[in-house]
C-alpha cells in the first residue's frame, strides 16, 4: 500500500511498523493537529488519489490512509531537519 521509496525513508528514521494505527500514532507524536480527508469518487478520479492529508498549510495526496500518514510524517521530519540546519 505504501510505495517502497517511502517505506525505505521511514526505516531510515527508525519507523518500521507501517500499519495504519502505528503510523497514525507516529504522526501524532510529530504534530498535535492534522486533517485526513477521504475524497469522493469524482475528485479522486480527477486528482488520482483517494485521501488528502492537511498539515498546516500543506497538502499530501495518497492512495491509502497509511500512505497519507507516512507522507505527513516524512514531511514533518524533513521540516524539522531543515529548521535545525
Protein backbone atom coordinates (compact mmCIF):
# COMPACT_ATOMS: atom_id res chain seq x y z
CA UNK A 1 0.00 0.00 0.00
CA UNK A 2 2.88 2.35 0.74
CA UNK A 3 5.38 2.89 -2.09
CA UNK A 4 8.74 1.24 -1.47
CA UNK A 5 10.64 4.56 -1.58
CA UNK A 6 8.51 5.93 1.28
CA UNK A 7 8.93 2.71 3.28
CA UNK A 8 12.70 2.98 2.94
CA UNK A 9 12.72 6.62 4.04
CA UNK A 10 10.61 5.76 7.09
CA UNK A 11 13.00 2.94 8.03
CA UNK A 12 15.92 5.37 7.82
CA UNK A 13 14.20 7.35 10.56
CA UNK A 14 13.56 4.28 12.71
CA UNK A 15 9.90 3.80 11.79
CA UNK A 16 9.48 0.14 10.96
CA UNK A 17 5.88 -0.58 11.92
CA UNK A 18 3.94 0.50 8.84
CA UNK A 19 0.37 -0.40 9.71
CA UNK A 20 -2.28 2.32 9.83
CA UNK A 21 -2.55 2.60 13.62
CA UNK A 22 1.21 2.71 14.21
CA UNK A 23 1.68 5.36 11.54
CA UNK A 24 -1.19 7.45 12.95
CA UNK A 25 0.38 7.29 16.40
CA UNK A 26 3.76 8.26 14.97
CA UNK A 27 2.20 11.21 13.13
CA UNK A 28 0.53 12.35 16.36
CA UNK A 29 3.94 12.38 18.06
CA UNK A 30 5.14 14.91 15.47
CA UNK A 31 2.08 17.16 15.24
CA UNK A 32 -0.87 17.99 17.51
CA UNK A 33 -3.34 18.53 14.68
CA UNK A 34 -3.97 17.31 11.16
CA UNK A 35 -6.95 16.62 8.93
CA UNK A 36 -7.39 13.49 6.86
CA UNK A 37 -9.98 13.68 4.10
CA UNK A 38 -11.36 10.76 2.15
CA UNK A 39 -12.16 12.14 -1.28
CA UNK A 40 -15.43 11.45 -3.08
CA UNK A 41 -15.28 9.49 -6.33
CA UNK A 42 -15.13 12.39 -8.81
CA UNK A 43 -12.29 14.32 -7.11
CA UNK A 44 -10.44 11.04 -6.53
CA UNK A 45 -10.54 10.37 -10.27
CA UNK A 46 -9.56 13.93 -11.10
CA UNK A 47 -6.63 14.15 -8.67
CA UNK A 48 -5.74 10.43 -8.88
CA UNK A 49 -5.71 9.97 -5.12
CA UNK A 50 -8.17 8.64 -2.53
CA UNK A 51 -7.01 10.57 0.55
CA UNK A 52 -5.69 14.03 1.30
CA UNK A 53 -3.80 14.87 4.48
CA UNK A 54 -3.74 18.52 5.56
CA UNK A 55 -0.89 19.68 7.80
CA UNK A 56 -0.89 23.41 8.48
CA UNK A 57 -0.65 24.99 5.03
CA UNK A 58 0.45 21.83 3.18
CA UNK A 59 -1.49 19.01 1.49
CA UNK A 60 -0.31 15.46 0.86
CA UNK A 61 -2.19 13.18 -1.54
CA UNK A 62 -2.20 9.41 -1.15
CA UNK A 63 -3.91 6.24 -2.30
CA UNK A 64 -4.35 4.84 1.22
CA UNK A 65 -4.58 6.07 4.80
CA UNK A 66 -1.19 4.58 5.82
CA UNK A 67 0.44 6.25 2.81
CA UNK A 68 -1.09 9.61 3.76
CA UNK A 69 0.21 9.29 7.33
CA UNK A 70 3.64 8.23 6.05
CA UNK A 71 3.87 11.21 3.70
CA UNK A 72 2.91 13.53 6.54
CA UNK A 73 5.49 12.04 8.90
CA UNK A 74 8.26 12.39 6.34
CA UNK A 75 7.29 15.98 5.58
CA UNK A 76 7.39 16.85 9.28
CA UNK A 77 10.75 15.12 9.76
CA UNK A 78 12.19 16.95 6.74
CA UNK A 79 10.87 20.27 8.02
CA UNK A 80 12.39 19.65 11.47
CA UNK A 81 15.77 18.76 9.95
CA UNK A 82 15.76 21.90 7.80
CA UNK A 83 14.91 24.04 10.82
CA UNK A 84 17.80 22.59 12.81
CA UNK A 85 20.31 23.19 9.99
